[in-house]
Amino acid sequence: MSESEWISLRQAAEILGVHPATVRNWADSGDLPSRRTPGKHRRFRKSDLLQYAKTQGELQPLEVQVIIQNALGNTRMHVGGGTLTHLKWYERIDDQTRASLRQEGLGTLEAIRKYLAFGAPDEQLSAAINAGKNYAKLLSNEGLSLPDAVRGFFYFSDFVINSILTWSEITPQRNSTADWGNLLRQVNTYINTILLSIIEYYEEE
């Protein structure tokens, strides 16, 4: 296969119209095929990128990419910086469950991105329901109560909401108030669906 068919991470991000970190996440999850050079750099085949783009719906503008990456960055900073250690609900979670929760969080941010990319269709809320069940199961197995599970969920979901509010404040000229309001409503719908799924899981238990 010709080497000219393979391009860098940055070039792949430009073709797809997304942040390089988003392309990296797709590759890590196995959704987007890639390979490594001897120097451990990622390479992507152009035909794979075009095929993948067809499955992703209408790729959203820069705002959504920045919001998701900002929320991801804040999550990593708080988890890695030890700012959660004083929270009782977090102290009760073992390292293995924390690792599982991090993976769930990454998956949820990617699911929100897809949900917004396709215009927030109701049928994609099934992923939010599953996320809520997975989250609740992990915390329930650790012996956390429903109030503590909700506290933990709010702690991290607030990163997404705050990212939207912050970006709307620093770049108000890029979109109208109605656009920002619609985006916030769509994200709230997804987050609230996860929350209801958590509550229903605990009630069934």
Protein backbone atom coordinates (compact mmCIF):
# COMPACT_ATOMS: atom_id res chain seq x y z
CA MET A 1 0.00 0.00 0.00
CA SER A 2 1.38 3.42 -0.97
CA GLU A 3 2.73 5.52 1.89
CA SER A 4 1.02 8.56 0.33
CA GLU A 5 -2.34 7.13 1.39
CA TRP A 6 -1.40 7.55 5.06
CA ILE A 7 -1.56 10.92 6.78
CA SER A 8 -0.78 12.38 10.20
CA LEU A 9 -3.08 12.91 13.16
CA ARG A 10 -3.20 16.64 12.51
CA GLN A 11 -4.08 16.15 8.84
CA ALA A 12 -6.77 13.61 9.77
CA ALA A 13 -8.29 16.12 12.19
CA GLU A 14 -8.34 18.77 9.46
CA ILE A 15 -10.10 16.44 7.02
CA LEU A 16 -12.76 15.47 9.58
CA GLY A 17 -13.11 19.02 10.89
CA VAL A 18 -12.54 18.03 14.50
CA HIS A 19 -9.96 18.53 17.24
CA PRO A 20 -6.90 16.20 17.05
CA ALA A 21 -7.73 14.87 20.51
CA THR A 22 -11.10 13.72 19.18
CA VAL A 23 -9.40 11.75 16.39
CA ARG A 24 -7.06 10.25 18.98
CA ASN A 25 -10.04 9.14 21.08
CA TRP A 26 -11.68 7.53 18.04
CA ALA A 27 -8.48 5.65 17.29
CA ASP A 28 -8.02 4.55 20.92
CA SER A 29 -11.57 3.19 21.01
CA GLY A 30 -11.02 1.24 17.80
CA ASP A 31 -13.71 3.15 15.92
CA LEU A 32 -11.23 4.69 13.49
CA PRO A 33 -8.50 2.43 11.99
CA SER A 34 -4.92 3.67 12.34
CA ARG A 35 -1.38 2.41 12.52
CA ARG A 36 1.85 3.45 14.25
CA THR A 37 5.12 4.45 12.60
CA PRO A 38 8.42 3.11 14.00
CA GLY A 39 8.58 6.40 15.90
CA LYS A 40 5.16 5.66 17.49
CA HIS A 41 3.35 8.40 15.54
CA ARG A 42 -0.21 7.73 14.41
CA ARG A 43 -1.04 7.45 10.74
CA PHE A 44 -4.50 7.31 9.16
CA ARG A 45 -5.58 6.15 5.72
CA LYS A 46 -7.55 8.75 3.77
CA SER A 47 -10.15 6.24 2.56
CA ASP A 48 -10.83 5.18 6.18
CA LEU A 49 -11.36 8.82 7.19
CA LEU A 50 -13.86 9.45 4.42
CA GLN A 51 -15.76 6.27 5.24
CA TYR A 52 -15.82 7.12 8.94
CA ALA A 53 -17.03 10.66 8.26
CA LYS A 54 -20.10 9.24 6.50
CA THR A 55 -21.12 7.44 9.70
CA GLN A 56 -20.78 10.47 11.96
CA GLY A 57 -23.58 12.65 10.70
CA GLU A 58 -23.03 16.36 10.23
CA LEU A 59 -19.76 17.22 11.93
CA GLN A 60 -20.36 20.06 14.34
CA PRO A 61 -18.57 23.42 14.39
CA LEU A 62 -15.54 24.30 16.45
CA GLU A 63 -17.65 25.27 19.47
CA VAL A 64 -18.80 21.73 20.20
CA GLN A 65 -15.30 20.32 19.77
CA VAL A 66 -13.87 22.87 22.20
CA ILE A 67 -16.66 22.27 24.72
CA ILE A 68 -16.12 18.51 24.77
CA GLN A 69 -12.35 18.80 24.96
CA ASN A 70 -12.58 21.44 27.69
CA ALA A 71 -14.84 19.20 29.75
CA LEU A 72 -12.44 16.30 29.22
CA GLY A 73 -9.47 18.44 30.21
CA ASN A 74 -11.17 19.66 33.39
CA THR A 75 -12.08 16.10 34.34
CA ARG A 76 -8.51 14.88 33.89
CA MET A 77 -7.14 17.85 35.81
CA HIS A 78 -9.41 17.26 38.80
CA VAL A 79 -8.89 13.51 38.86
CA GLY A 80 -5.14 13.71 38.34
CA GLY A 81 -4.66 16.68 40.62
CA GLY A 82 -6.07 14.95 43.67
CA THR A 83 -8.86 17.48 44.20
CA LEU A 84 -11.40 14.68 44.63
CA THR A 85 -9.70 12.96 47.54
CA HIS A 86 -11.57 15.01 50.16
CA LEU A 87 -14.97 13.97 48.82
CA LYS A 88 -16.49 11.11 50.81
CA TRP A 89 -18.25 9.49 47.85
CA TYR A 90 -14.98 9.41 45.90
CA GLU A 91 -12.94 8.03 48.80
CA ARG A 92 -15.18 4.95 48.89
CA ILE A 93 -14.40 3.98 45.29
CA ASP A 94 -11.46 1.62 44.71
CA ASP A 95 -8.85 2.15 41.99
CA GLN A 96 -10.31 -0.43 39.61
CA THR A 97 -13.75 1.19 39.74
CA ARG A 98 -12.21 4.63 39.28
CA ALA A 99 -10.51 3.38 36.12
CA SER A 100 -13.82 1.96 34.87
CA LEU A 101 -15.56 5.26 35.61
CA ARG A 102 -12.92 7.13 33.62
CA GLN A 103 -13.61 4.92 30.61
CA GLU A 104 -17.35 5.45 31.04
CA GLY A 105 -16.75 9.18 31.17
CA LEU A 106 -14.75 9.17 27.95
CA GLY A 107 -17.45 7.15 26.27
CA THR A 108 -20.14 9.51 27.48
CA LEU A 109 -18.37 12.61 26.17
CA GLU A 110 -17.97 10.94 22.79
CA ALA A 111 -21.64 9.91 22.84
CA ILE A 112 -22.68 13.49 23.58
CA ARG A 113 -20.59 14.67 20.64
CA LYS A 114 -22.30 12.17 18.33
CA TYR A 115 -25.71 13.07 19.73
CA LEU A 116 -25.13 16.74 18.89
CA ALA A 117 -23.59 15.90 15.51
CA PHE A 118 -26.74 14.09 14.40
CA GLY A 119 -29.01 16.90 15.58
CA ALA A 120 -29.94 15.44 18.99
CA PRO A 121 -32.31 12.67 17.80
CA ASP A 122 -34.35 10.87 20.47
CA GLU A 123 -33.23 7.45 19.25
CA GLN A 124 -29.65 8.23 20.30
CA LEU A 125 -30.74 8.70 23.90
CA SER A 126 -30.51 4.93 24.31
CA ALA A 127 -26.76 5.44 24.75
CA ALA A 128 -27.50 7.84 27.62
CA ILE A 129 -29.77 5.26 29.26
CA ASN A 130 -27.06 2.62 29.02
CA ALA A 131 -24.45 5.02 30.38
CA GLY A 132 -26.65 5.73 33.40
CA LYS A 133 -27.10 2.03 34.09
CA ASN A 134 -23.38 1.34 33.80
CA TYR A 135 -22.53 4.25 36.05
CA ALA A 136 -25.12 3.23 38.64
CA LYS A 137 -24.02 -0.41 38.59
CA LEU A 138 -20.39 0.50 39.23
CA LEU A 139 -21.22 2.76 42.17
CA SER A 140 -23.90 0.49 43.58
CA ASN A 141 -21.39 -2.37 43.66
CA GLU A 142 -19.12 -0.12 45.70
CA GLY A 143 -21.89 0.38 48.23
CA LEU A 144 -22.60 4.01 47.38
CA SER A 145 -26.09 5.28 48.10
CA LEU A 146 -28.26 6.91 45.45
CA PRO A 147 -27.60 10.43 46.84
CA ASP A 148 -23.84 9.82 46.67
CA ALA A 149 -24.12 8.43 43.13
CA VAL A 150 -26.03 11.55 42.09
CA ARG A 151 -23.47 13.80 43.79
CA GLY A 152 -20.71 12.13 41.82
CA PHE A 153 -22.63 12.43 38.56
CA PHE A 154 -23.36 16.13 39.11
CA TYR A 155 -19.70 16.78 39.92
CA PHE A 156 -18.60 15.63 36.48
CA SER A 157 -21.65 16.62 34.40
CA ASP A 158 -21.16 20.19 35.60
CA PHE A 159 -17.90 20.29 33.63
CA VAL A 160 -19.87 19.98 30.39
CA ILE A 161 -22.44 22.62 31.34
CA ASN A 162 -19.77 25.02 32.60
CA SER A 163 -17.80 24.57 29.37
CA ILE A 164 -20.84 25.61 27.33
CA LEU A 165 -21.45 28.67 29.51
CA THR A 166 -17.79 29.70 29.46
CA TRP A 167 -17.45 29.33 25.70
CA SER A 168 -20.66 31.29 25.09
CA GLU A 169 -19.32 34.12 27.26
CA ILE A 170 -15.92 34.42 25.59
CA THR A 171 -17.16 34.02 22.01
CA PRO A 172 -20.68 35.54 22.00
CA GLN A 173 -20.25 36.86 18.46
CA ARG A 174 -19.89 33.37 16.96
CA ASN A 175 -23.46 32.30 17.66
CA SER A 176 -26.75 33.87 18.65
CA THR A 177 -28.24 33.53 22.11
CA ALA A 178 -30.82 31.17 20.62
CA ASP A 179 -28.05 28.91 19.26
CA TRP A 180 -26.36 28.68 22.65
CA GLY A 181 -29.70 28.10 24.35
CA ASN A 182 -30.55 25.29 21.96
CA LEU A 183 -27.16 23.65 22.49
CA LEU A 184 -27.57 23.86 26.26
CA ARG A 185 -31.07 22.32 26.06
CA GLN A 186 -29.79 19.44 23.95
CA VAL A 187 -26.93 18.68 26.34
CA ASN A 188 -29.29 18.97 29.31
CA THR A 189 -31.63 16.46 27.70
CA TYR A 190 -28.79 13.97 27.35
CA ILE A 191 -27.49 14.54 30.88
CA ASN A 192 -30.96 14.34 32.42
CA THR A 193 -31.57 11.06 30.59
CA ILE A 194 -28.44 9.62 32.20
CA LEU A 195 -29.54 10.89 35.61
CA LEU A 196 -33.00 9.33 35.32
CA SER A 197 -31.41 6.05 34.27
CA ILE A 198 -29.22 6.12 37.40
CA ILE A 199 -32.23 6.72 39.63
CA GLU A 200 -34.25 3.96 37.95
CA TYR A 201 -31.40 1.48 38.37
CA TYR A 202 -31.19 2.17 42.10
CA GLU A 203 -34.97 1.92 42.50
CA GLU A 204 -35.01 -1.45 40.72
CA GLU A 205 -32.22 -2.67 42.96
